[in-house]
mmCIF file of all heavy atoms, coordinates in Angstrom:
data_MODEL
# 
_entry.id   MODEL 
# 
loop_
_atom_site.group_PDB 
_atom_site.id 
_atom_site.type_symbol 
_atom_site.label_atom_id 
_atom_site.label_alt_id 
_atom_site.label_comp_id 
_atom_site.label_asym_id 
_atom_site.label_entity_id 
_atom_site.label_seq_id 
_atom_site.pdbx_PDB_ins_code 
_atom_site.Cartn_x 
_atom_site.Cartn_y 
_atom_site.Cartn_z 
_atom_site.occupancy 
_atom_site.B_iso_or_equiv 
_atom_site.pdbx_formal_charge 
_atom_site.auth_seq_id 
_atom_site.auth_comp_id 
_atom_site.auth_asym_id 
_atom_site.auth_atom_id 
_atom_site.pdbx_PDB_model_num 
ATOM 1   N N   . HIS A 1 1  ? -97.429  45.046 219.774 1.00 0.00 ? 1  HIS A N   1 
ATOM 2   C CA  . HIS A 1 1  ? -96.998  44.411 221.003 1.00 0.00 ? 1  HIS A CA  1 
ATOM 3   C C   . HIS A 1 1  ? -96.426  45.439 221.983 1.00 0.00 ? 1  HIS A C   1 
ATOM 4   O O   . HIS A 1 1  ? -96.677  45.364 223.175 1.00 0.00 ? 1  HIS A O   1 
ATOM 5   C CB  . HIS A 1 1  ? -95.960  43.323 220.703 1.00 0.00 ? 1  HIS A CB  1 
ATOM 6   C CG  . HIS A 1 1  ? -95.428  42.633 221.902 1.00 0.00 ? 1  HIS A CG  1 
ATOM 7   N ND1 . HIS A 1 1  ? -96.158  41.720 222.621 1.00 0.00 ? 1  HIS A ND1 1 
ATOM 8   C CD2 . HIS A 1 1  ? -94.220  42.730 222.528 1.00 0.00 ? 1  HIS A CD2 1 
ATOM 9   C CE1 . HIS A 1 1  ? -95.441  41.277 223.639 1.00 0.00 ? 1  HIS A CE1 1 
ATOM 10  N NE2 . HIS A 1 1  ? -94.260  41.860 223.606 1.00 0.00 ? 1  HIS A NE2 1 
ATOM 11  N N   . TYR A 1 2  ? -95.664  46.376 221.468 1.00 0.00 ? 2  TYR A N   1 
ATOM 12  C CA  . TYR A 1 2  ? -95.024  47.376 222.333 1.00 0.00 ? 2  TYR A CA  1 
ATOM 13  C C   . TYR A 1 2  ? -95.872  48.637 222.523 1.00 0.00 ? 2  TYR A C   1 
ATOM 14  O O   . TYR A 1 2  ? -95.411  49.600 223.116 1.00 0.00 ? 2  TYR A O   1 
ATOM 15  C CB  . TYR A 1 2  ? -93.639  47.727 221.776 1.00 0.00 ? 2  TYR A CB  1 
ATOM 16  C CG  . TYR A 1 2  ? -92.672  46.573 221.877 1.00 0.00 ? 2  TYR A CG  1 
ATOM 17  C CD1 . TYR A 1 2  ? -92.188  45.937 220.742 1.00 0.00 ? 2  TYR A CD1 1 
ATOM 18  C CD2 . TYR A 1 2  ? -92.261  46.074 223.119 1.00 0.00 ? 2  TYR A CD2 1 
ATOM 19  C CE1 . TYR A 1 2  ? -91.326  44.854 220.836 1.00 0.00 ? 2  TYR A CE1 1 
ATOM 20  C CE2 . TYR A 1 2  ? -91.405  44.992 223.219 1.00 0.00 ? 2  TYR A CE2 1 
ATOM 21  C CZ  . TYR A 1 2  ? -90.937  44.399 222.073 1.00 0.00 ? 2  TYR A CZ  1 
ATOM 22  O OH  . TYR A 1 2  ? -90.093  43.315 222.181 1.00 0.00 ? 2  TYR A OH  1 
ATOM 23  N N   . GLY A 1 3  ? -97.121  48.619 222.018 1.00 0.00 ? 3  GLY A N   1 
ATOM 24  C CA  . GLY A 1 3  ? -98.039  49.722 222.265 1.00 0.00 ? 3  GLY A CA  1 
ATOM 25  C C   . GLY A 1 3  ? -97.799  50.956 221.412 1.00 0.00 ? 3  GLY A C   1 
ATOM 26  O O   . GLY A 1 3  ? -98.328  52.012 221.708 1.00 0.00 ? 3  GLY A O   1 
ATOM 27  N N   . GLU A 1 4  ? -97.029  50.818 220.347 1.00 0.00 ? 4  GLU A N   1 
ATOM 28  C CA  . GLU A 1 4  ? -96.756  51.962 219.474 1.00 0.00 ? 4  GLU A CA  1 
ATOM 29  C C   . GLU A 1 4  ? -97.941  52.289 218.571 1.00 0.00 ? 4  GLU A C   1 
ATOM 30  O O   . GLU A 1 4  ? -98.089  53.433 218.146 1.00 0.00 ? 4  GLU A O   1 
ATOM 31  C CB  . GLU A 1 4  ? -95.494  51.710 218.644 1.00 0.00 ? 4  GLU A CB  1 
ATOM 32  C CG  . GLU A 1 4  ? -94.236  51.552 219.502 1.00 0.00 ? 4  GLU A CG  1 
ATOM 33  C CD  . GLU A 1 4  ? -93.037  51.119 218.677 1.00 0.00 ? 4  GLU A CD  1 
ATOM 34  O OE1 . GLU A 1 4  ? -93.055  51.243 217.434 1.00 0.00 ? 4  GLU A OE1 1 
ATOM 35  O OE2 . GLU A 1 4  ? -92.067  50.627 219.309 1.00 0.00 ? 4  GLU A OE2 1 
ATOM 36  N N   . ILE A 1 5  ? -98.711  51.272 218.230 1.00 0.00 ? 5  ILE A N   1 
ATOM 37  C CA  . ILE A 1 5  ? -99.922  51.475 217.431 1.00 0.00 ? 5  ILE A CA  1 
ATOM 38  C C   . ILE A 1 5  ? -101.058 50.691 218.068 1.00 0.00 ? 5  ILE A C   1 
ATOM 39  O O   . ILE A 1 5  ? -100.833 49.786 218.877 1.00 0.00 ? 5  ILE A O   1 
ATOM 40  C CB  . ILE A 1 5  ? -99.736  51.067 215.948 1.00 0.00 ? 5  ILE A CB  1 
ATOM 41  C CG1 . ILE A 1 5  ? -99.404  49.576 215.816 1.00 0.00 ? 5  ILE A CG1 1 
ATOM 42  C CG2 . ILE A 1 5  ? -98.687  51.922 215.266 1.00 0.00 ? 5  ILE A CG2 1 
ATOM 43  C CD1 . ILE A 1 5  ? -99.335  49.078 214.376 1.00 0.00 ? 5  ILE A CD1 1 
ATOM 44  N N   . GLU A 1 6  ? -102.278 51.033 217.687 1.00 0.00 ? 6  GLU A N   1 
ATOM 45  C CA  . GLU A 1 6  ? -103.468 50.369 218.253 1.00 0.00 ? 6  GLU A CA  1 
ATOM 46  C C   . GLU A 1 6  ? -103.547 48.911 217.794 1.00 0.00 ? 6  GLU A C   1 
ATOM 47  O O   . GLU A 1 6  ? -103.204 48.582 216.647 1.00 0.00 ? 6  GLU A O   1 
ATOM 48  C CB  . GLU A 1 6  ? -104.711 51.119 217.791 1.00 0.00 ? 6  GLU A CB  1 
ATOM 49  C CG  . GLU A 1 6  ? -105.978 50.614 218.437 1.00 0.00 ? 6  GLU A CG  1 
ATOM 50  C CD  . GLU A 1 6  ? -107.186 51.449 218.033 1.00 0.00 ? 6  GLU A CD  1 
ATOM 51  O OE1 . GLU A 1 6  ? -107.006 52.645 217.756 1.00 0.00 ? 6  GLU A OE1 1 
ATOM 52  O OE2 . GLU A 1 6  ? -108.281 50.874 218.010 1.00 0.00 ? 6  GLU A OE2 1 
ATOM 53  N N   . HIS A 1 7  ? -103.968 48.045 218.693 1.00 0.00 ? 7  HIS A N   1 
ATOM 54  C CA  . HIS A 1 7  ? -104.137 46.619 218.359 1.00 0.00 ? 7  HIS A CA  1 
ATOM 55  C C   . HIS A 1 7  ? -105.261 46.444 217.372 1.00 0.00 ? 7  HIS A C   1 
ATOM 56  O O   . HIS A 1 7  ? -106.318 47.080 217.506 1.00 0.00 ? 7  HIS A O   1 
ATOM 57  C CB  . HIS A 1 7  ? -104.419 45.806 219.620 1.00 0.00 ? 7  HIS A CB  1 
ATOM 58  C CG  . HIS A 1 7  ? -103.202 45.585 220.452 1.00 0.00 ? 7  HIS A CG  1 
ATOM 59  N ND1 . HIS A 1 7  ? -102.488 44.417 220.414 1.00 0.00 ? 7  HIS A ND1 1 
ATOM 60  C CD2 . HIS A 1 7  ? -102.575 46.370 221.341 1.00 0.00 ? 7  HIS A CD2 1 
ATOM 61  C CE1 . HIS A 1 7  ? -101.476 44.508 221.252 1.00 0.00 ? 7  HIS A CE1 1 
ATOM 62  N NE2 . HIS A 1 7  ? -101.502 45.691 221.829 1.00 0.00 ? 7  HIS A NE2 1 
ATOM 63  N N   . ARG A 1 8  ? -105.036 45.587 216.388 1.00 0.00 ? 8  ARG A N   1 
ATOM 64  C CA  . ARG A 1 8  ? -106.070 45.238 215.425 1.00 0.00 ? 8  ARG A CA  1 
ATOM 65  C C   . ARG A 1 8  ? -105.671 43.876 214.848 1.00 0.00 ? 8  ARG A C   1 
ATOM 66  O O   . ARG A 1 8  ? -104.511 43.488 214.901 1.00 0.00 ? 8  ARG A O   1 
ATOM 67  C CB  . ARG A 1 8  ? -106.188 46.278 214.310 1.00 0.00 ? 8  ARG A CB  1 
ATOM 68  C CG  . ARG A 1 8  ? -105.001 46.324 213.376 1.00 0.00 ? 8  ARG A CG  1 
ATOM 69  C CD  . ARG A 1 8  ? -105.125 47.479 212.378 1.00 0.00 ? 8  ARG A CD  1 
ATOM 70  N NE  . ARG A 1 8  ? -104.259 47.364 211.247 1.00 0.00 ? 8  ARG A NE  1 
ATOM 71  C CZ  . ARG A 1 8  ? -102.948 47.579 211.233 1.00 0.00 ? 8  ARG A CZ  1 
ATOM 72  N NH1 . ARG A 1 8  ? -102.338 47.918 212.350 1.00 0.00 ? 8  ARG A NH1 1 
ATOM 73  N NH2 . ARG A 1 8  ? -102.242 47.476 210.141 1.00 0.00 ? 8  ARG A NH2 1 
ATOM 74  N N   . PRO A 1 9  ? -106.632 43.123 214.313 1.00 0.00 ? 9  PRO A N   1 
ATOM 75  C CA  . PRO A 1 9  ? -106.281 41.830 213.739 1.00 0.00 ? 9  PRO A CA  1 
ATOM 76  C C   . PRO A 1 9  ? -105.540 42.028 212.424 1.00 0.00 ? 9  PRO A C   1 
ATOM 77  O O   . PRO A 1 9  ? -105.996 42.789 211.538 1.00 0.00 ? 9  PRO A O   1 
ATOM 78  C CB  . PRO A 1 9  ? -107.624 41.145 213.517 1.00 0.00 ? 9  PRO A CB  1 
ATOM 79  C CG  . PRO A 1 9  ? -108.676 42.205 213.598 1.00 0.00 ? 9  PRO A CG  1 
ATOM 80  C CD  . PRO A 1 9  ? -108.068 43.368 214.335 1.00 0.00 ? 9  PRO A CD  1 
ATOM 81  N N   . ILE A 1 10 ? -104.385 41.379 212.299 1.00 0.00 ? 10 ILE A N   1 
ATOM 82  C CA  . ILE A 1 10 ? -103.592 41.463 211.082 1.00 0.00 ? 10 ILE A CA  1 
ATOM 83  C C   . ILE A 1 10 ? -103.078 40.078 210.716 1.00 0.00 ? 10 ILE A C   1 
ATOM 84  O O   . ILE A 1 10 ? -103.041 39.168 211.525 1.00 0.00 ? 10 ILE A O   1 
ATOM 85  C CB  . ILE A 1 10 ? -102.379 42.422 211.225 1.00 0.00 ? 10 ILE A CB  1 
ATOM 86  C CG1 . ILE A 1 10 ? -101.391 41.904 212.284 1.00 0.00 ? 10 ILE A CG1 1 
ATOM 87  C CG2 . ILE A 1 10 ? -102.813 43.847 211.493 1.00 0.00 ? 10 ILE A CG2 1 
ATOM 88  C CD1 . ILE A 1 10 ? -100.056 42.647 212.305 1.00 0.00 ? 10 ILE A CD1 1 
ATOM 89  N N   . TYR A 1 11 ? -102.720 39.948 209.447 1.00 0.00 ? 11 TYR A N   1 
ATOM 90  C CA  . TYR A 1 11 ? -101.988 38.765 208.986 1.00 0.00 ? 11 TYR A CA  1 
ATOM 91  C C   . TYR A 1 11 ? -101.062 39.239 207.874 1.00 0.00 ? 11 TYR A C   1 
ATOM 92  O O   . TYR A 1 11 ? -101.203 40.329 207.331 1.00 0.00 ? 11 TYR A O   1 
ATOM 93  C CB  . TYR A 1 11 ? -102.924 37.634 208.541 1.00 0.00 ? 11 TYR A CB  1 
ATOM 94  C CG  . TYR A 1 11 ? -103.690 37.895 207.263 1.00 0.00 ? 11 TYR A CG  1 
ATOM 95  C CD1 . TYR A 1 11 ? -103.258 37.392 206.045 1.00 0.00 ? 11 TYR A CD1 1 
ATOM 96  C CD2 . TYR A 1 11 ? -104.870 38.662 207.268 1.00 0.00 ? 11 TYR A CD2 1 
ATOM 97  C CE1 . TYR A 1 11 ? -103.967 37.609 204.886 1.00 0.00 ? 11 TYR A CE1 1 
ATOM 98  C CE2 . TYR A 1 11 ? -105.582 38.878 206.100 1.00 0.00 ? 11 TYR A CE2 1 
ATOM 99  C CZ  . TYR A 1 11 ? -105.130 38.353 204.910 1.00 0.00 ? 11 TYR A CZ  1 
ATOM 100 O OH  . TYR A 1 11 ? -105.831 38.578 203.768 1.00 0.00 ? 11 TYR A OH  1 
ATOM 101 N N   . GLY A 1 12 ? -100.085 38.416 207.560 1.00 0.00 ? 12 GLY A N   1 
ATOM 102 C CA  . GLY A 1 12 ? -99.145  38.785 206.534 1.00 0.00 ? 12 GLY A CA  1 
ATOM 103 C C   . GLY A 1 12 ? -98.067  37.739 206.382 1.00 0.00 ? 12 GLY A C   1 
ATOM 104 O O   . GLY A 1 12 ? -98.276  36.571 206.719 1.00 0.00 ? 12 GLY A O   1 
ATOM 105 N N   . GLU A 1 13 ? -96.897  38.187 205.960 1.00 0.00 ? 13 GLU A N   1 
ATOM 106 C CA  . GLU A 1 13 ? -95.808  37.266 205.655 1.00 0.00 ? 13 GLU A CA  1 
ATOM 107 C C   . GLU A 1 13 ? -94.649  37.492 206.614 1.00 0.00 ? 13 GLU A C   1 
ATOM 108 O O   . GLU A 1 13 ? -94.325  38.631 206.946 1.00 0.00 ? 13 GLU A O   1 
ATOM 109 C CB  . GLU A 1 13 ? -95.325  37.480 204.222 1.00 0.00 ? 13 GLU A CB  1 
ATOM 110 C CG  . GLU A 1 13 ? -96.405  37.235 203.191 1.00 0.00 ? 13 GLU A CG  1 
ATOM 111 C CD  . GLU A 1 13 ? -95.972  37.675 201.794 1.00 0.00 ? 13 GLU A CD  1 
ATOM 112 O OE1 . GLU A 1 13 ? -94.753  37.751 201.553 1.00 0.00 ? 13 GLU A OE1 1 
ATOM 113 O OE2 . GLU A 1 13 ? -96.857  37.913 200.984 1.00 0.00 ? 13 GLU A OE2 1 
ATOM 114 N N   . ALA A 1 14 ? -94.048  36.381 207.027 1.00 0.00 ? 14 ALA A N   1 
ATOM 115 C CA  . ALA A 1 14 ? -92.857  36.426 207.868 1.00 0.00 ? 14 ALA A CA  1 
ATOM 116 C C   . ALA A 1 14 ? -92.037  35.188 207.569 1.00 0.00 ? 14 ALA A C   1 
ATOM 117 O O   . ALA A 1 14 ? -92.607  34.099 207.409 1.00 0.00 ? 14 ALA A O   1 
ATOM 118 C CB  . ALA A 1 14 ? -93.207  36.502 209.344 1.00 0.00 ? 14 ALA A CB  1 
ATOM 119 N N   . SER A 1 15 ? -90.745  35.334 207.530 1.00 0.00 ? 15 SER A N   1 
ATOM 120 C CA  . SER A 1 15 ? -89.873  34.171 207.352 1.00 0.00 ? 15 SER A CA  1 
ATOM 121 C C   . SER A 1 15 ? -89.886  33.387 208.653 1.00 0.00 ? 15 SER A C   1 
ATOM 122 O O   . SER A 1 15 ? -90.249  33.899 209.704 1.00 0.00 ? 15 SER A O   1 
ATOM 123 C CB  . SER A 1 15 ? -88.452  34.629 207.011 1.00 0.00 ? 15 SER A CB  1 
ATOM 124 O OG  . SER A 1 15 ? -87.858  35.226 208.154 1.00 0.00 ? 15 SER A OG  1 
ATOM 125 N N   . PRO A 1 16 ? -89.454  32.133 208.611 1.00 0.00 ? 16 PRO A N   1 
ATOM 126 C CA  . PRO A 1 16 ? -89.369  31.361 209.866 1.00 0.00 ? 16 PRO A CA  1 
ATOM 127 C C   . PRO A 1 16 ? -88.484  32.055 210.924 1.00 0.00 ? 16 PRO A C   1 
ATOM 128 O O   . PRO A 1 16 ? -88.800  32.043 212.099 1.00 0.00 ? 16 PRO A O   1 
ATOM 129 C CB  . PRO A 1 16 ? -88.764  30.029 209.436 1.00 0.00 ? 16 PRO A CB  1 
ATOM 130 C CG  . PRO A 1 16 ? -89.148  29.882 207.997 1.00 0.00 ? 16 PRO A CG  1 
ATOM 131 C CD  . PRO A 1 16 ? -89.155  31.283 207.460 1.00 0.00 ? 16 PRO A CD  1 
ATOM 132 N N   . GLU A 1 17 ? -87.403  32.678 210.469 1.00 0.00 ? 17 GLU A N   1 
ATOM 133 C CA  . GLU A 1 17 ? -86.506  33.384 211.389 1.00 0.00 ? 17 GLU A CA  1 
ATOM 134 C C   . GLU A 1 17 ? -87.213  34.589 212.025 1.00 0.00 ? 17 GLU A C   1 
ATOM 135 O O   . GLU A 1 17 ? -87.099  34.830 213.225 1.00 0.00 ? 17 GLU A O   1 
ATOM 136 C CB  . GLU A 1 17 ? -85.230  33.845 210.683 1.00 0.00 ? 17 GLU A CB  1 
ATOM 137 C CG  . GLU A 1 17 ? -84.346  32.718 210.192 1.00 0.00 ? 17 GLU A CG  1 
ATOM 138 C CD  . GLU A 1 17 ? -84.830  32.073 208.888 1.00 0.00 ? 17 GLU A CD  1 
ATOM 139 O OE1 . GLU A 1 17 ? -85.617  32.711 208.127 1.00 0.00 ? 17 GLU A OE1 1 
ATOM 140 O OE2 . GLU A 1 17 ? -84.459  30.917 208.648 1.00 0.00 ? 17 GLU A OE2 1 
ATOM 141 N N   . GLU A 1 18 ? -87.981  35.341 211.201 1.00 0.00 ? 18 GLU A N   1 
ATOM 142 C CA  . GLU A 1 18 ? -88.714  36.495 211.741 1.00 0.00 ? 18 GLU A CA  1 
ATOM 143 C C   . GLU A 1 18 ? -89.780  36.036 212.723 1.00 0.00 ? 18 GLU A C   1 
ATOM 144 O O   . GLU A 1 18 ? -89.960  36.653 213.773 1.00 0.00 ? 18 GLU A O   1 
ATOM 145 C CB  . GLU A 1 18 ? -89.368  37.281 210.597 1.00 0.00 ? 18 GLU A CB  1 
ATOM 146 C CG  . GLU A 1 18 ? -88.375  38.013 209.710 1.00 0.00 ? 18 GLU A CG  1 
ATOM 147 C CD  . GLU A 1 18 ? -89.027  38.583 208.464 1.00 0.00 ? 18 GLU A CD  1 
ATOM 148 O OE1 . GLU A 1 18 ? -89.924  37.944 207.884 1.00 0.00 ? 18 GLU A OE1 1 
ATOM 149 O OE2 . GLU A 1 18 ? -88.638  39.709 208.067 1.00 0.00 ? 18 GLU A OE2 1 
ATOM 150 N N   . ALA A 1 19 ? -90.456  34.932 212.404 1.00 0.00 ? 19 ALA A N   1 
ATOM 151 C CA  . ALA A 1 19 ? -91.497  34.421 213.307 1.00 0.00 ? 19 ALA A CA  1 
ATOM 152 C C   . ALA A 1 19 ? -90.870  33.983 214.633 1.00 0.00 ? 19 ALA A C   1 
ATOM 153 O O   . ALA A 1 19 ? -91.407  34.283 215.704 1.00 0.00 ? 19 ALA A O   1 
ATOM 154 C CB  . ALA A 1 19 ? -92.243  33.254 212.646 1.00 0.00 ? 19 ALA A CB  1 
ATOM 155 N N   . ARG A 1 20 ? -89.726  33.295 214.592 1.00 0.00 ? 20 ARG A N   1 
ATOM 156 C CA  . ARG A 1 20 ? -89.040  32.869 215.813 1.00 0.00 ? 20 ARG A CA  1 
ATOM 157 C C   . ARG A 1 20 ? -88.631  34.089 216.653 1.00 0.00 ? 20 ARG A C   1 
ATOM 158 O O   . ARG A 1 20 ? -88.770  34.076 217.877 1.00 0.00 ? 20 ARG A O   1 
ATOM 159 C CB  . ARG A 1 20 ? -87.814  32.033 215.488 1.00 0.00 ? 20 ARG A CB  1 
ATOM 160 C CG  . ARG A 1 20 ? -88.122  30.572 215.401 1.00 0.00 ? 20 ARG A CG  1 
ATOM 161 C CD  . ARG A 1 20 ? -86.857  29.735 215.321 1.00 0.00 ? 20 ARG A CD  1 
ATOM 162 N NE  . ARG A 1 20 ? -87.094  28.678 214.354 1.00 0.00 ? 20 ARG A NE  1 
ATOM 163 C CZ  . ARG A 1 20 ? -86.710  28.680 213.101 1.00 0.00 ? 20 ARG A CZ  1 
ATOM 164 N NH1 . ARG A 1 20 ? -85.979  29.651 212.631 1.00 0.00 ? 20 ARG A NH1 1 
ATOM 165 N NH2 . ARG A 1 20 ? -87.006  27.691 212.314 1.00 0.00 ? 20 ARG A NH2 1 
ATOM 166 N N   . ALA A 1 21 ? -88.144  35.116 215.985 1.00 0.00 ? 21 ALA A N   1 
ATOM 167 C CA  . ALA A 1 21 ? -87.730  36.323 216.692 1.00 0.00 ? 21 ALA A CA  1 
ATOM 168 C C   . ALA A 1 21 ? -88.940  36.975 217.388 1.00 0.00 ? 21 ALA A C   1 
ATOM 169 O O   . ALA A 1 21 ? -88.831  37.432 218.533 1.00 0.00 ? 21 ALA A O   1 
ATOM 170 C CB  . ALA A 1 21 ? -87.063  37.318 215.743 1.00 0.00 ? 21 ALA A CB  1 
ATOM 171 N N   . LEU A 1 22 ? -90.073  37.022 216.706 1.00 0.00 ? 22 LEU A N   1 
ATOM 172 C CA  . LEU A 1 22 ? -91.291  37.582 217.313 1.00 0.00 ? 22 LEU A CA  1 
ATOM 173 C C   . LEU A 1 22 ? -91.683  36.759 218.552 1.00 0.00 ? 22 LEU A C   1 
ATOM 174 O O   . LEU A 1 22 ? -91.990  37.323 219.595 1.00 0.00 ? 22 LEU A O   1 
ATOM 175 C CB  . LEU A 1 22 ? -92.443  37.594 216.307 1.00 0.00 ? 22 LEU A CB  1 
ATOM 176 C CG  . LEU A 1 22 ? -92.357  38.627 215.188 1.00 0.00 ? 22 LEU A CG  1 
ATOM 177 C CD1 . LEU A 1 22 ? -93.394  38.349 214.125 1.00 0.00 ? 22 LEU A CD1 1 
ATOM 178 C CD2 . LEU A 1 22 ? -92.496  40.038 215.736 1.00 0.00 ? 22 LEU A CD2 1 
ATOM 179 N N   . ILE A 1 23 ? -91.668  35.463 218.430 1.00 0.00 ? 23 ILE A N   1 
ATOM 180 C CA  . ILE A 1 23 ? -92.034  34.583 219.548 1.00 0.00 ? 23 ILE A CA  1 
ATOM 181 C C   . ILE A 1 23 ? -91.063  34.778 220.703 1.00 0.00 ? 23 ILE A C   1 
ATOM 182 O O   . ILE A 1 23 ? -91.475  34.866 221.866 1.00 0.00 ? 23 ILE A O   1 
ATOM 183 C CB  . ILE A 1 23 ? -92.096  33.118 219.091 1.00 0.00 ? 23 ILE A CB  1 
ATOM 184 C CG1 . ILE A 1 23 ? -93.281  32.930 218.160 1.00 0.00 ? 23 ILE A CG1 1 
ATOM 185 C CG2 . ILE A 1 23 ? -92.189  32.165 220.293 1.00 0.00 ? 23 ILE A CG2 1 
ATOM 186 C CD1 . ILE A 1 23 ? -93.279  31.625 217.392 1.00 0.00 ? 23 ILE A CD1 1 
ATOM 187 N N   . ASP A 1 24 ? -89.770  34.885 220.387 1.00 0.00 ? 24 ASP A N   1 
ATOM 188 C CA  . ASP A 1 24 ? -88.758  35.115 221.430 1.00 0.00 ? 24 ASP A CA  1 
ATOM 189 C C   . ASP A 1 24 ? -89.000  36.427 222.179 1.00 0.00 ? 24 ASP A C   1 
ATOM 190 O O   . ASP A 1 24 ? -88.683  36.556 223.363 1.00 0.00 ? 24 ASP A O   1 
ATOM 191 C CB  . ASP A 1 24 ? -87.349  35.105 220.841 1.00 0.00 ? 24 ASP A CB  1 
ATOM 192 C CG  . ASP A 1 24 ? -86.912  33.709 220.394 1.00 0.00 ? 24 ASP A CG  1 
ATOM 193 O OD1 . ASP A 1 24 ? -87.556  32.728 220.812 1.00 0.00 ? 24 ASP A OD1 1 
ATOM 194 O OD2 . ASP A 1 24 ? -85.927  33.618 219.635 1.00 0.00 ? 24 ASP A OD2 1 
ATOM 195 N N   . GLU A 1 25 ? -89.569  37.417 221.477 1.00 0.00 ? 25 GLU A N   1 
ATOM 196 C CA  . GLU A 1 25 ? -89.866  38.710 222.102 1.00 0.00 ? 25 GLU A CA  1 
ATOM 197 C C   . GLU A 1 25 ? -91.188  38.694 222.879 1.00 0.00 ? 25 GLU A C   1 
ATOM 198 O O   . GLU A 1 25 ? -91.548  39.685 223.506 1.00 0.00 ? 25 GLU A O   1 
ATOM 199 C CB  . GLU A 1 25 ? -89.943  39.801 221.026 1.00 0.00 ? 25 GLU A CB  1 
ATOM 200 C CG  . GLU A 1 25 ? -88.607  40.137 220.402 1.00 0.00 ? 25 GLU A CG  1 
ATOM 201 C CD  . GLU A 1 25 ? -88.735  41.200 219.323 1.00 0.00 ? 25 GLU A CD  1 
ATOM 202 O OE1 . GLU A 1 25 ? -89.439  42.216 219.551 1.00 0.00 ? 25 GLU A OE1 1 
ATOM 203 O OE2 . GLU A 1 25 ? -88.141  41.021 218.237 1.00 0.00 ? 25 GLU A OE2 1 
ATOM 204 N N   . GLY A 1 26 ? -91.916  37.591 222.793 1.00 0.00 ? 26 GLY A N   1 
ATOM 205 C CA  . GLY A 1 26 ? -93.192  37.504 223.505 1.00 0.00 ? 26 GLY A CA  1 
ATOM 206 C C   . GLY A 1 26 ? -94.392  37.899 222.662 1.00 0.00 ? 26 GLY A C   1 
ATOM 207 O O   . GLY A 1 26 ? -95.497  38.005 223.194 1.00 0.00 ? 26 GLY A O   1 
ATOM 208 N N   . VAL A 1 27 ? -94.194  38.138 221.387 1.00 0.00 ? 27 VAL A N   1 
ATOM 209 C CA  . VAL A 1 27 ? -95.298  38.488 220.488 1.00 0.00 ? 27 VAL A CA  1 
ATOM 210 C C   . VAL A 1 27 ? -95.997  37.189 220.091 1.00 0.00 ? 27 VAL A C   1 
ATOM 211 O O   . VAL A 1 27 ? -95.355  36.280 219.577 1.00 0.00 ? 27 VAL A O   1 
ATOM 212 C CB  . VAL A 1 27 ? -94.771  39.229 219.226 1.00 0.00 ? 27 VAL A CB  1 
ATOM 213 C CG1 . VAL A 1 27 ? -95.941  39.592 218.314 1.00 0.00 ? 27 VAL A CG1 1 
ATOM 214 C CG2 . VAL A 1 27 ? -93.976  40.456 219.601 1.00 0.00 ? 27 VAL A CG2 1 
ATOM 215 N N   . GLU A 1 28 ? -97.284  37.107 220.350 1.00 0.00 ? 28 GLU A N   1 
ATOM 216 C CA  . GLU A 1 28 ? -98.038  35.888 220.001 1.00 0.00 ? 28 GLU A CA  1 
ATOM 217 C C   . GLU A 1 28 ? -98.370  35.911 218.522 1.00 0.00 ? 28 GLU A C   1 
ATOM 218 O O   . GLU A 1 28 ? -99.109  36.788 218.065 1.00 0.00 ? 28 GLU A O   1 
ATOM 219 C CB  . GLU A 1 28 ? -99.297  35.773 220.841 1.00 0.00 ? 28 GLU A CB  1 
ATOM 220 C CG  . GLU A 1 28 ? -99.020  35.451 222.301 1.00 0.00 ? 28 GLU A CG  1 
ATOM 221 C CD  . GLU A 1 28 ? -100.279 35.097 223.060 1.00 0.00 ? 28 GLU A CD  1 
ATOM 222 O OE1 . GLU A 1 28 ? -101.189 34.476 222.474 1.00 0.00 ? 28 GLU A OE1 1 
ATOM 223 O OE2 . GLU A 1 28 ? -100.326 35.434 224.250 1.00 0.00 ? 28 GLU A OE2 1 
ATOM 224 N N   . VAL A 1 29 ? -97.815  34.968 217.794 1.00 0.00 ? 29 VAL A N   1 
ATOM 225 C CA  . VAL A 1 29 ? -98.093  34.813 216.365 1.00 0.00 ? 29 VAL A CA  1 
ATOM 226 C C   . VAL A 1 29 ? -98.379  33.350 216.080 1.00 0.00 ? 29 VAL A C   1 
ATOM 227 O O   . VAL A 1 29 ? -97.911  32.475 216.788 1.00 0.00 ? 29 VAL A O   1 
ATOM 228 C CB  . VAL A 1 29 ? -96.917  35.298 215.487 1.00 0.00 ? 29 VAL A CB  1 
ATOM 229 C CG1 . VAL A 1 29 ? -96.671  36.779 215.664 1.00 0.00 ? 29 VAL A CG1 1 
ATOM 230 C CG2 . VAL A 1 29 ? -95.645  34.518 215.783 1.00 0.00 ? 29 VAL A CG2 1 
# 
């Protein structure tokens, strides 16, 4: 999201709190 690494399709594990934090930062998950 912040351009530190190249975009690629990924999936994995995140707690509900981590997912909410990503969404709050504007990361589409």
